[in-house]
Amino acid sequence: NSGRQVSFSAETSELLSSDYSGKVYTIDWREFFQLADEHTLALRFVQGWGTENPRPFRLGGEVADSFFITENNLNQRSYALRGYDKALAQLRGRRMQLASVEYR
């Protein structure tokens, strides 16, 4: 009900032959505040940054992200953004930011 989870990843596409090139850095920061009884306020901030020509980040769709950061966040480029179709070209790119506040 309360706590913090922080994940930072650094990736490179330069070690193996690939259609993509460059490096990708991602931070996923989550804070949980217990309000009363079983009520929780969940805050999340995600930022991704890629150099050169990385596999693009993609926002959109309604697939629920897991409540907790998994052990392997490498190569994650798709992030849910309720109310937006995941096929929108405007929501793809080598950089992204996502913030959310949820009452649970």
PDB file of N, CA and C in Angstrom:
ATOM      1  N   ASN A   1       0.799  -1.205   0.000  1.00  0.00           N
ATOM      2  CA  ASN A   1       0.000   0.000   0.000  1.00  0.00           C
ATOM      3  C   ASN A   1       0.836   1.261   0.000  1.00  0.00           C
ATOM      4  N   SER A   2       2.068   1.180   0.471  1.00  0.00           N
ATOM      5  CA  SER A   2       2.924   2.357   0.455  1.00  0.00           C
ATOM      6  C   SER A   2       4.343   1.923   0.115  1.00  0.00           C
ATOM      7  N   GLY A   3       5.068   2.809  -0.535  1.00  0.00           N
ATOM      8  CA  GLY A   3       6.443   2.485  -0.884  1.00  0.00           C
ATOM      9  C   GLY A   3       6.863   3.129  -2.190  1.00  0.00           C
ATOM     10  N   ARG A   4       8.014   2.682  -2.667  1.00  0.00           N
ATOM     11  CA  ARG A   4       8.608   3.254  -3.880  1.00  0.00           C
ATOM     12  C   ARG A   4       9.270   2.144  -4.669  1.00  0.00           C
ATOM     13  N   GLN A   5       9.169   2.252  -5.989  1.00  0.00           N
ATOM     14  CA  GLN A   5       9.864   1.345  -6.906  1.00  0.00           C
ATOM     15  C   GLN A   5      10.530   2.199  -7.974  1.00  0.00           C
ATOM     16  N   VAL A   6      11.802   1.969  -8.202  1.00  0.00           N
ATOM     17  CA  VAL A   6      12.531   2.713  -9.223  1.00  0.00           C
ATOM     18  C   VAL A   6      13.318   1.722 -10.062  1.00  0.00           C
ATOM     19  N   SER A   7      13.211   1.884 -11.367  1.00  0.00           N
ATOM     20  CA  SER A   7      13.955   1.039 -12.293  1.00  0.00           C
ATOM     21  C   SER A   7      14.648   1.922 -13.312  1.00  0.00           C
ATOM     22  N   PHE A   8      15.924   1.639 -13.561  1.00  0.00           N
ATOM     23  CA  PHE A   8      16.686   2.350 -14.578  1.00  0.00           C
ATOM     24  C   PHE A   8      17.331   1.315 -15.475  1.00  0.00           C
ATOM     25  N   SER A   9      17.223   1.510 -16.783  1.00  0.00           N
ATOM     26  CA  SER A   9      17.880   0.587 -17.706  1.00  0.00           C
ATOM     27  C   SER A   9      18.648   1.367 -18.760  1.00  0.00           C
ATOM     28  N   ALA A  10      19.743   0.778 -19.192  1.00  0.00           N
ATOM     29  CA  ALA A  10      20.566   1.324 -20.264  1.00  0.00           C
ATOM     30  C   ALA A  10      20.809   0.186 -21.246  1.00  0.00           C
ATOM     31  N   GLU A  11      20.532   0.434 -22.520  1.00  0.00           N
ATOM     32  CA  GLU A  11      20.643  -0.601 -23.542  1.00  0.00           C
ATOM     33  C   GLU A  11      21.456  -0.083 -24.725  1.00  0.00           C
ATOM     34  N   THR A  12      22.028  -1.003 -25.476  1.00  0.00           N
ATOM     35  CA  THR A  12      22.723  -0.642 -26.701  1.00  0.00           C
ATOM     36  C   THR A  12      22.350  -1.621 -27.805  1.00  0.00           C
ATOM     37  N   SER A  13      22.285  -1.110 -29.019  1.00  0.00           N
ATOM     38  CA  SER A  13      22.025  -1.950 -30.192  1.00  0.00           C
ATOM     39  C   SER A  13      23.297  -2.129 -31.016  1.00  0.00           C
ATOM     40  N   GLU A  14      24.410  -1.722 -30.468  1.00  0.00           N
ATOM     41  CA  GLU A  14      25.643  -1.689 -31.238  1.00  0.00           C
ATOM     42  C   GLU A  14      26.479  -2.954 -31.140  1.00  0.00           C
ATOM     43  N   LEU A  15      26.139  -3.874 -30.256  1.00  0.00           N
ATOM     44  CA  LEU A  15      26.950  -5.079 -30.094  1.00  0.00           C
ATOM     45  C   LEU A  15      26.652  -6.145 -31.145  1.00  0.00           C
ATOM     46  N   LEU A  16      25.417  -6.216 -31.574  1.00  0.00           N
ATOM     47  CA  LEU A  16      25.003  -7.211 -32.558  1.00  0.00           C
ATOM     48  C   LEU A  16      24.451  -6.514 -33.795  1.00  0.00           C
ATOM     49  N   SER A  17      24.444  -7.208 -34.895  1.00  0.00           N
ATOM     50  CA  SER A  17      23.857  -6.662 -36.117  1.00  0.00           C
ATOM     51  C   SER A  17      22.353  -6.503 -35.915  1.00  0.00           C
ATOM     52  N   SER A  18      21.832  -5.319 -36.237  1.00  0.00           N
ATOM     53  CA  SER A  18      20.423  -5.033 -35.980  1.00  0.00           C
ATOM     54  C   SER A  18      19.928  -3.969 -36.947  1.00  0.00           C
ATOM     55  N   ASP A  19      18.602  -3.873 -37.092  1.00  0.00           N
ATOM     56  CA  ASP A  19      17.998  -2.811 -37.888  1.00  0.00           C
ATOM     57  C   ASP A  19      18.051  -1.472 -37.154  1.00  0.00           C
ATOM     58  N   TYR A  20      18.341  -1.514 -35.857  1.00  0.00           N
ATOM     59  CA  TYR A  20      18.359  -0.313 -35.025  1.00  0.00           C
ATOM     60  C   TYR A  20      19.780  -0.019 -34.568  1.00  0.00           C
ATOM     61  N   SER A  21      20.026   1.245 -34.205  1.00  0.00           N
ATOM     62  CA  SER A  21      21.345   1.624 -33.732  1.00  0.00           C
ATOM     63  C   SER A  21      21.210   2.611 -32.582  1.00  0.00           C
ATOM     64  N   GLY A  22      22.250   2.727 -31.800  1.00  0.00           N
ATOM     65  CA  GLY A  22      22.247   3.690 -30.711  1.00  0.00           C
ATOM     66  C   GLY A  22      21.998   3.059 -29.363  1.00  0.00           C
ATOM     67  N   LYS A  23      21.797   3.937 -28.398  1.00  0.00           N
ATOM     68  CA  LYS A  23      21.566   3.520 -27.022  1.00  0.00           C
ATOM     69  C   LYS A  23      20.188   4.004 -26.572  1.00  0.00           C
ATOM     70  N   VAL A  24      19.623   3.314 -25.581  1.00  0.00           N
ATOM     71  CA  VAL A  24      18.319   3.678 -25.019  1.00  0.00           C
ATOM     72  C   VAL A  24      18.437   3.666 -23.498  1.00  0.00           C
ATOM     73  N   TYR A  25      17.934   4.729 -22.879  1.00  0.00           N
ATOM     74  CA  TYR A  25      17.918   4.849 -21.427  1.00  0.00           C
ATOM     75  C   TYR A  25      16.468   5.030 -20.985  1.00  0.00           C
ATOM     76  N   THR A  26      16.080   4.306 -19.945  1.00  0.00           N
ATOM     77  CA  THR A  26      14.704   4.386 -19.452  1.00  0.00           C
ATOM     78  C   THR A  26      14.713   4.416 -17.931  1.00  0.00           C
ATOM     79  N   ILE A  27      13.875   5.306 -17.368  1.00  0.00           N
ATOM     80  CA  ILE A  27      13.651   5.313 -15.924  1.00  0.00           C
ATOM     81  C   ILE A  27      12.153   5.189 -15.680  1.00  0.00           C
ATOM     82  N   ASP A  28      11.804   4.349 -14.729  1.00  0.00           N
ATOM     83  CA  ASP A  28      10.404   4.119 -14.351  1.00  0.00           C
ATOM     84  C   ASP A  28      10.327   4.291 -12.838  1.00  0.00           C
ATOM     85  N   TRP A  29       9.675   5.366 -12.405  1.00  0.00           N
ATOM     86  CA  TRP A  29       9.601   5.719 -10.978  1.00  0.00           C
ATOM     87  C   TRP A  29       8.147   5.628 -10.535  1.00  0.00           C
ATOM     88  N   ARG A  30       7.901   4.875  -9.462  1.00  0.00           N
ATOM     89  CA  ARG A  30       6.539   4.708  -8.934  1.00  0.00           C
ATOM     90  C   ARG A  30       6.535   4.964  -7.430  1.00  0.00           C
ATOM     91  N   GLU A  31       5.530   5.700  -6.987  1.00  0.00           N
ATOM     92  CA  GLU A  31       5.345   5.998  -5.565  1.00  0.00           C
ATOM     93  C   GLU A  31       3.939   5.557  -5.173  1.00  0.00           C
ATOM     94  N   PHE A  32       3.814   4.972  -3.983  1.00  0.00           N
ATOM     95  CA  PHE A  32       2.527   4.506  -3.475  1.00  0.00           C
ATOM     96  C   PHE A  32       2.319   5.072  -2.083  1.00  0.00           C
ATOM     97  N   PHE A  33       1.150   5.709  -1.881  1.00  0.00           N
ATOM     98  CA  PHE A  33       0.819   6.319  -0.607  1.00  0.00           C
ATOM     99  C   PHE A  33      -0.473   5.711  -0.083  1.00  0.00           C
ATOM    100  N   GLN A  34      -0.423   5.144   1.114  1.00  0.00           N
ATOM    101  CA  GLN A  34      -1.634   4.611   1.732  1.00  0.00           C
ATOM    102  C   GLN A  34      -2.431   5.775   2.297  1.00  0.00           C
ATOM    103  N   LEU A  35      -3.697   5.882   1.881  1.00  0.00           N
ATOM    104  CA  LEU A  35      -4.541   6.988   2.321  1.00  0.00           C
ATOM    105  C   LEU A  35      -5.355   6.613   3.546  1.00  0.00           C
ATOM    106  N   ALA A  36      -6.110   5.543   3.451  1.00  0.00           N
ATOM    107  CA  ALA A  36      -6.918   5.060   4.570  1.00  0.00           C
ATOM    108  C   ALA A  36      -7.369   3.648   4.246  1.00  0.00           C
ATOM    109  N   ASP A  37      -7.342   2.792   5.235  1.00  0.00           N
ATOM    110  CA  ASP A  37      -7.738   1.396   5.059  1.00  0.00           C
ATOM    111  C   ASP A  37      -7.047   0.791   3.834  1.00  0.00           C
ATOM    112  N   GLU A  38      -7.830   0.428   2.839  1.00  0.00           N
ATOM    113  CA  GLU A  38      -7.304  -0.206   1.625  1.00  0.00           C
ATOM    114  C   GLU A  38      -7.163   0.777   0.457  1.00  0.00           C
ATOM    115  N   HIS A  39      -7.211   2.070   0.704  1.00  0.00           N
ATOM    116  CA  HIS A  39      -7.123   3.077  -0.347  1.00  0.00           C
ATOM    117  C   HIS A  39      -5.667   3.498  -0.554  1.00  0.00           C
ATOM    118  N   THR A  40      -5.277   3.591  -1.826  1.00  0.00           N
ATOM    119  CA  THR A  40      -3.895   3.930  -2.162  1.00  0.00           C
ATOM    120  C   THR A  40      -3.870   4.944  -3.291  1.00  0.00           C
ATOM    121  N   LEU A  41      -2.951   5.888  -3.202  1.00  0.00           N
ATOM    122  CA  LEU A  41      -2.686   6.820  -4.283  1.00  0.00           C
ATOM    123  C   LEU A  41      -1.374   6.367  -4.939  1.00  0.00           C
ATOM    124  N   ALA A  42      -1.442   6.083  -6.245  1.00  0.00           N
ATOM    125  CA  ALA A  42      -0.275   5.594  -6.975  1.00  0.00           C
ATOM    126  C   ALA A  42       0.162   6.645  -7.994  1.00  0.00           C
ATOM    127  N   LEU A  43       1.422   7.039  -7.936  1.00  0.00           N
ATOM    128  CA  LEU A  43       1.999   8.005  -8.872  1.00  0.00           C
ATOM    129  C   LEU A  43       3.060   7.289  -9.704  1.00  0.00           C
ATOM    130  N   ARG A  44       3.133   7.642 -10.983  1.00  0.00           N
ATOM    131  CA  ARG A  44       4.113   7.007 -11.849  1.00  0.00           C
ATOM    132  C   ARG A  44       4.681   8.030 -12.828  1.00  0.00           C
ATOM    133  N   PHE A  45       5.992   7.948 -13.043  1.00  0.00           N
ATOM    134  CA  PHE A  45       6.668   8.759 -14.043  1.00  0.00           C
ATOM    135  C   PHE A  45       7.629   7.856 -14.807  1.00  0.00           C
ATOM    136  N   VAL A  46       7.505   7.864 -16.129  1.00  0.00           N
ATOM    137  CA  VAL A  46       8.390   7.072 -16.984  1.00  0.00           C
ATOM    138  C   VAL A  46       8.981   8.008 -18.024  1.00  0.00           C
ATOM    139  N   GLN A  47      10.288   7.900 -18.230  1.00  0.00           N
ATOM    140  CA  GLN A  47      10.937   8.668 -19.283  1.00  0.00           C
ATOM    141  C   GLN A  47      11.884   7.752 -20.033  1.00  0.00           C
ATOM    142  N   GLY A  48      11.821   7.835 -21.361  1.00  0.00           N
ATOM    143  CA  GLY A  48      12.714   7.071 -22.213  1.00  0.00           C
ATOM    144  C   GLY A  48      13.410   7.987 -23.192  1.00  0.00           C
ATOM    145  N   TRP A  49      14.674   7.701 -23.456  1.00  0.00           N
ATOM    146  CA  TRP A  49      15.473   8.531 -24.340  1.00  0.00           C
ATOM    147  C   TRP A  49      16.376   7.635 -25.165  1.00  0.00           C
ATOM    148  N   GLY A  50      16.321   7.797 -26.485  1.00  0.00           N
ATOM    149  CA  GLY A  50      17.157   6.995 -27.366  1.00  0.00           C
ATOM    150  C   GLY A  50      18.017   7.864 -28.256  1.00  0.00           C
ATOM    151  N   THR A  51      19.217   7.380 -28.566  1.00  0.00           N
ATOM    152  CA  THR A  51      20.124   8.089 -29.463  1.00  0.00           C
ATOM    153  C   THR A  51      20.060   7.448 -30.842  1.00  0.00           C
ATOM    154  N   GLU A  52      20.472   8.160 -31.829  1.00  0.00           N
ATOM    155  CA  GLU A  52      20.568   7.682 -33.213  1.00  0.00           C
ATOM    156  C   GLU A  52      19.235   7.126 -33.721  1.00  0.00           C
ATOM    157  N   ASN A  53      19.159   5.829 -33.968  1.00  0.00           N
ATOM    158  CA  ASN A  53      17.973   5.206 -34.561  1.00  0.00           C
ATOM    159  C   ASN A  53      17.557   3.966 -33.766  1.00  0.00           C
ATOM    160  N   PRO A  54      17.056   4.141 -32.529  1.00  0.00           N
ATOM    161  CA  PRO A  54      16.655   2.981 -31.734  1.00  0.00           C
ATOM    162  C   PRO A  54      15.281   2.476 -32.156  1.00  0.00           C
ATOM    163  N   ARG A  55      14.947   1.292 -31.690  1.00  0.00           N
ATOM    164  CA  ARG A  55      13.567   0.838 -31.865  1.00  0.00           C
ATOM    165  C   ARG A  55      12.686   1.846 -31.142  1.00  0.00           C
ATOM    166  N   PRO A  56      11.659   2.402 -31.805  1.00  0.00           N
ATOM    167  CA  PRO A  56      10.902   3.518 -31.212  1.00  0.00           C
ATOM    168  C   PRO A  56      10.032   3.110 -30.026  1.00  0.00           C
ATOM    169  N   PHE A  57       9.834   4.077 -29.131  1.00  0.00           N
ATOM    170  CA  PHE A  57       8.864   3.922 -28.062  1.00  0.00           C
ATOM    171  C   PHE A  57       7.478   4.067 -28.669  1.00  0.00           C
ATOM    172  N   ARG A  58       6.492   3.431 -28.056  1.00  0.00           N
ATOM    173  CA  ARG A  58       5.123   3.510 -28.557  1.00  0.00           C
ATOM    174  C   ARG A  58       4.176   3.669 -27.370  1.00  0.00           C
ATOM    175  N   LEU A  59       3.404   4.743 -27.384  1.00  0.00           N
ATOM    176  CA  LEU A  59       2.386   4.979 -26.368  1.00  0.00           C
ATOM    177  C   LEU A  59       1.017   4.683 -26.960  1.00  0.00           C
ATOM    178  N   GLY A  60       0.091   4.245 -26.128  1.00  0.00           N
ATOM    179  CA  GLY A  60      -1.278   4.040 -26.581  1.00  0.00           C
ATOM    180  C   GLY A  60      -1.798   2.672 -26.219  1.00  0.00           C
ATOM    181  N   GLY A  61      -3.087   2.530 -26.392  1.00  0.00           N
ATOM    182  CA  GLY A  61      -3.735   1.263 -26.059  1.00  0.00           C
ATOM    183  C   GLY A  61      -4.109   1.223 -24.593  1.00  0.00           C
ATOM    184  N   GLU A  62      -4.761   0.146 -24.225  1.00  0.00           N
ATOM    185  CA  GLU A  62      -5.257   0.028 -22.856  1.00  0.00           C
ATOM    186  C   GLU A  62      -4.784  -1.228 -22.162  1.00  0.00           C
ATOM    187  N   VAL A  63      -3.717  -1.822 -22.658  1.00  0.00           N
ATOM    188  CA  VAL A  63      -3.175  -2.991 -21.977  1.00  0.00           C
ATOM    189  C   VAL A  63      -2.609  -2.518 -20.650  1.00  0.00           C
ATOM    190  N   ALA A  64      -3.100  -3.085 -19.569  1.00  0.00           N
ATOM    191  CA  ALA A  64      -2.683  -2.624 -18.251  1.00  0.00           C
ATOM    192  C   ALA A  64      -1.234  -2.989 -17.984  1.00  0.00           C
ATOM    193  N   ASP A  65      -0.463  -1.999 -17.567  1.00  0.00           N
ATOM    194  CA  ASP A  65       0.901  -2.281 -17.121  1.00  0.00           C
ATOM    195  C   ASP A  65       0.813  -3.037 -15.808  1.00  0.00           C
ATOM    196  N   SER A  66       1.821  -3.804 -15.536  1.00  0.00           N
ATOM    197  CA  SER A  66       1.813  -4.517 -14.274  1.00  0.00           C
ATOM    198  C   SER A  66       1.925  -3.503 -13.143  1.00  0.00           C
ATOM    199  N   PHE A  67       1.399  -3.864 -11.982  1.00  0.00           N
ATOM    200  CA  PHE A  67       1.434  -2.961 -10.837  1.00  0.00           C
ATOM    201  C   PHE A  67       2.851  -2.785 -10.316  1.00  0.00           C
ATOM    202  N   PHE A  68       3.712  -3.741 -10.587  1.00  0.00           N
ATOM    203  CA  PHE A  68       5.067  -3.701 -10.061  1.00  0.00           C
ATOM    204  C   PHE A  68       6.071  -3.821 -11.190  1.00  0.00           C
ATOM    205  N   ILE A  69       7.214  -3.249 -10.987  1.00  0.00           N
ATOM    206  CA  ILE A  69       8.288  -3.336 -11.960  1.00  0.00           C
ATOM    207  C   ILE A  69       8.795  -4.767 -11.973  1.00  0.00           C
ATOM    208  N   THR A  70       8.904  -5.325 -13.151  1.00  0.00           N
ATOM    209  CA  THR A  70       9.413  -6.686 -13.249  1.00  0.00           C
ATOM    210  C   THR A  70      10.935  -6.665 -13.260  1.00  0.00           C
ATOM    211  N   GLU A  71      11.533  -7.823 -13.118  1.00  0.00           N
ATOM    212  CA  GLU A  71      12.988  -7.902 -13.081  1.00  0.00           C
ATOM    213  C   GLU A  71      13.611  -7.518 -14.412  1.00  0.00           C
ATOM    214  N   ASN A  72      12.918  -7.761 -15.513  1.00  0.00           N
ATOM    215  CA  ASN A  72      13.500  -7.496 -16.825  1.00  0.00           C
ATOM    216  C   ASN A  72      12.703  -6.435 -17.557  1.00  0.00           C
ATOM    217  N   ASN A  73      13.183  -5.200 -17.523  1.00  0.00           N
ATOM    218  CA  ASN A  73      12.539  -4.106 -18.241  1.00  0.00           C
ATOM    219  C   ASN A  73      13.268  -3.787 -19.535  1.00  0.00           C
ATOM    220  N   LEU A  74      14.268  -4.586 -19.888  1.00  0.00           N
ATOM    221  CA  LEU A  74      15.029  -4.331 -21.100  1.00  0.00           C
ATOM    222  C   LEU A  74      14.165  -4.525 -22.333  1.00  0.00           C
ATOM    223  N   ASN A  75      14.388  -3.687 -23.313  1.00  0.00           N
ATOM    224  CA  ASN A  75      13.718  -3.761 -24.604  1.00  0.00           C
ATOM    225  C   ASN A  75      12.218  -3.462 -24.527  1.00  0.00           C
ATOM    226  N   GLN A  76      11.756  -2.875 -23.447  1.00  0.00           N
ATOM    227  CA  GLN A  76      10.345  -2.493 -23.362  1.00  0.00           C
ATOM    228  C   GLN A  76      10.162  -1.159 -24.064  1.00  0.00           C
ATOM    229  N   ARG A  77       9.271  -1.126 -25.047  1.00  0.00           N
ATOM    230  CA  ARG A  77       9.039   0.108 -25.794  1.00  0.00           C
ATOM    231  C   ARG A  77       7.553   0.475 -25.861  1.00  0.00           C
ATOM    232  N   SER A  78       6.663  -0.413 -25.456  1.00  0.00           N
ATOM    233  CA  SER A  78       5.225  -0.133 -25.511  1.00  0.00           C
ATOM    234  C   SER A  78       4.703   0.182 -24.116  1.00  0.00           C
ATOM    235  N   TYR A  79       3.962   1.289 -24.019  1.00  0.00           N
ATOM    236  CA  TYR A  79       3.391   1.715 -22.748  1.00  0.00           C
ATOM    237  C   TYR A  79       1.932   2.096 -22.962  1.00  0.00           C
ATOM    238  N   ALA A  80       1.060   1.617 -22.088  1.00  0.00           N
ATOM    239  CA  ALA A  80      -0.364   1.896 -22.187  1.00  0.00           C
ATOM    240  C   ALA A  80      -0.635   3.385 -21.974  1.00  0.00           C
ATOM    241  N   LEU A  81      -1.559   3.916 -22.747  1.00  0.00           N
ATOM    242  CA  LEU A  81      -2.008   5.296 -22.598  1.00  0.00           C
ATOM    243  C   LEU A  81      -3.500   5.285 -22.926  1.00  0.00           C
ATOM    244  N   ARG A  82      -4.301   5.151 -21.887  1.00  0.00           N
ATOM    245  CA  ARG A  82      -5.749   4.999 -22.065  1.00  0.00           C
ATOM    246  C   ARG A  82      -6.343   6.152 -22.863  1.00  0.00           C
ATOM    247  N   GLY A  83      -7.234   5.806 -23.771  1.00  0.00           N
ATOM    248  CA  GLY A  83      -7.911   6.819 -24.568  1.00  0.00           C
ATOM    249  C   GLY A  83      -7.237   7.110 -25.892  1.00  0.00           C
ATOM    250  N   TYR A  84      -6.074   6.524 -26.133  1.00  0.00           N
ATOM    251  CA  TYR A  84      -5.343   6.746 -27.380  1.00  0.00           C
ATOM    252  C   TYR A  84      -5.055   5.417 -28.053  1.00  0.00           C
ATOM    253  N   ASP A  85      -5.299   5.374 -29.348  1.00  0.00           N
ATOM    254  CA  ASP A  85      -5.030   4.175 -30.131  1.00  0.00           C
ATOM    255  C   ASP A  85      -3.524   3.940 -30.211  1.00  0.00           C
ATOM    256  N   LYS A  86      -3.105   2.700 -30.053  1.00  0.00           N
ATOM    257  CA  LYS A  86      -1.665   2.420 -30.087  1.00  0.00           C
ATOM    258  C   LYS A  86      -1.060   2.505 -31.482  1.00  0.00           C
ATOM    259  N   ALA A  87      -1.881   2.695 -32.497  1.00  0.00           N
ATOM    260  CA  ALA A  87      -1.376   2.775 -33.869  1.00  0.00           C
ATOM    261  C   ALA A  87      -1.086   4.214 -34.318  1.00  0.00           C
ATOM    262  N   LEU A  88      -1.291   5.205 -33.457  1.00  0.00           N
ATOM    263  CA  LEU A  88      -1.071   6.595 -33.845  1.00  0.00           C
ATOM    264  C   LEU A  88       0.415   6.888 -34.039  1.00  0.00           C
ATOM    265  N   ALA A  89       0.755   7.400 -35.207  1.00  0.00           N
ATOM    266  CA  ALA A  89       2.152   7.711 -35.522  1.00  0.00           C
ATOM    267  C   ALA A  89       2.698   8.822 -34.622  1.00  0.00           C
ATOM    268  N   GLN A  90       1.825   9.721 -34.153  1.00  0.00           N
ATOM    269  CA  GLN A  90       2.252  10.831 -33.306  1.00  0.00           C
ATOM    270  C   GLN A  90       2.735  10.356 -31.933  1.00  0.00           C
ATOM    271  N   LEU A  91       2.389   9.130 -31.564  1.00  0.00           N
ATOM    272  CA  LEU A  91       2.759   8.602 -30.253  1.00  0.00           C
ATOM    273  C   LEU A  91       3.910   7.603 -30.352  1.00  0.00           C
ATOM    274  N   ARG A  92       4.723   7.731 -31.388  1.00  0.00           N
ATOM    275  CA  ARG A  92       5.907   6.888 -31.565  1.00  0.00           C
ATOM    276  C   ARG A  92       7.126   7.779 -31.720  1.00  0.00           C
ATOM    277  N   GLY A  93       8.236   7.314 -31.194  1.00  0.00           N
ATOM    278  CA  GLY A  93       9.452   8.098 -31.367  1.00  0.00           C
ATOM    279  C   GLY A  93      10.590   7.582 -30.518  1.00  0.00           C
ATOM    280  N   ARG A  94      11.713   8.276 -30.603  1.00  0.00           N
ATOM    281  CA  ARG A  94      12.886   7.833 -29.863  1.00  0.00           C
ATOM    282  C   ARG A  94      12.956   8.421 -28.458  1.00  0.00           C
ATOM    283  N   ARG A  95      12.017   9.297 -28.123  1.00  0.00           N
ATOM    284  CA  ARG A  95      11.912   9.852 -26.774  1.00  0.00           C
ATOM    285  C   ARG A  95      10.464   9.825 -26.322  1.00  0.00           C
ATOM    286  N   MET A  96      10.273   9.656 -25.017  1.00  0.00           N
ATOM    287  CA  MET A  96       8.903   9.672 -24.503  1.00  0.00           C
ATOM    288  C   MET A  96       8.908   9.988 -23.019  1.00  0.00           C
ATOM    289  N   GLN A  97       7.763  10.527 -22.560  1.00  0.00           N
ATOM    290  CA  GLN A  97       7.506  10.752 -21.149  1.00  0.00           C
ATOM    291  C   GLN A  97       6.060  10.366 -20.879  1.00  0.00           C
ATOM    292  N   LEU A  98       5.852   9.794 -19.730  1.00  0.00           N
ATOM    293  CA  LEU A  98       4.517   9.365 -19.339  1.00  0.00           C
ATOM    294  C   LEU A  98       4.383   9.567 -17.836  1.00  0.00           C
ATOM    295  N   ALA A  99       3.303  10.207 -17.414  1.00  0.00           N
ATOM    296  CA  ALA A  99       3.035  10.398 -15.994  1.00  0.00           C
ATOM    297  C   ALA A  99       1.595  10.018 -15.716  1.00  0.00           C
ATOM    298  N   SER A 100       1.348   9.410 -14.569  1.00  0.00           N
ATOM    299  CA  SER A 100      -0.020   9.052 -14.224  1.00  0.00           C
ATOM    300  C   SER A 100      -0.225   9.135 -12.725  1.00  0.00           C
ATOM    301  N   VAL A 101      -1.483   9.383 -12.354  1.00  0.00           N
ATOM    302  CA  VAL A 101      -1.923   9.381 -10.964  1.00  0.00           C
ATOM    303  C   VAL A 101      -3.150   8.482 -10.919  1.00  0.00           C
ATOM    304  N   GLU A 102      -3.144   7.525 -10.013  1.00  0.00           N
ATOM    305  CA  GLU A 102      -4.280   6.598  -9.887  1.00  0.00           C
ATOM    306  C   GLU A 102      -4.718   6.522  -8.423  1.00  0.00           C
ATOM    307  N   TYR A 103      -6.025   6.490  -8.252  1.00  0.00           N
ATOM    308  CA  TYR A 103      -6.603   6.239  -6.937  1.00  0.00           C
ATOM    309  C   TYR A 103      -7.065   4.799  -6.944  1.00  0.00           C
ATOM    310  N   ARG A 104      -6.533   4.018  -6.044  1.00  0.00           N
ATOM    311  CA  ARG A 104      -6.864   2.575  -6.016  1.00  0.00           C
ATOM    312  C   ARG A 104      -7.546   2.258  -4.698  1.00  0.00           C
TER     313      ARG A 104
END
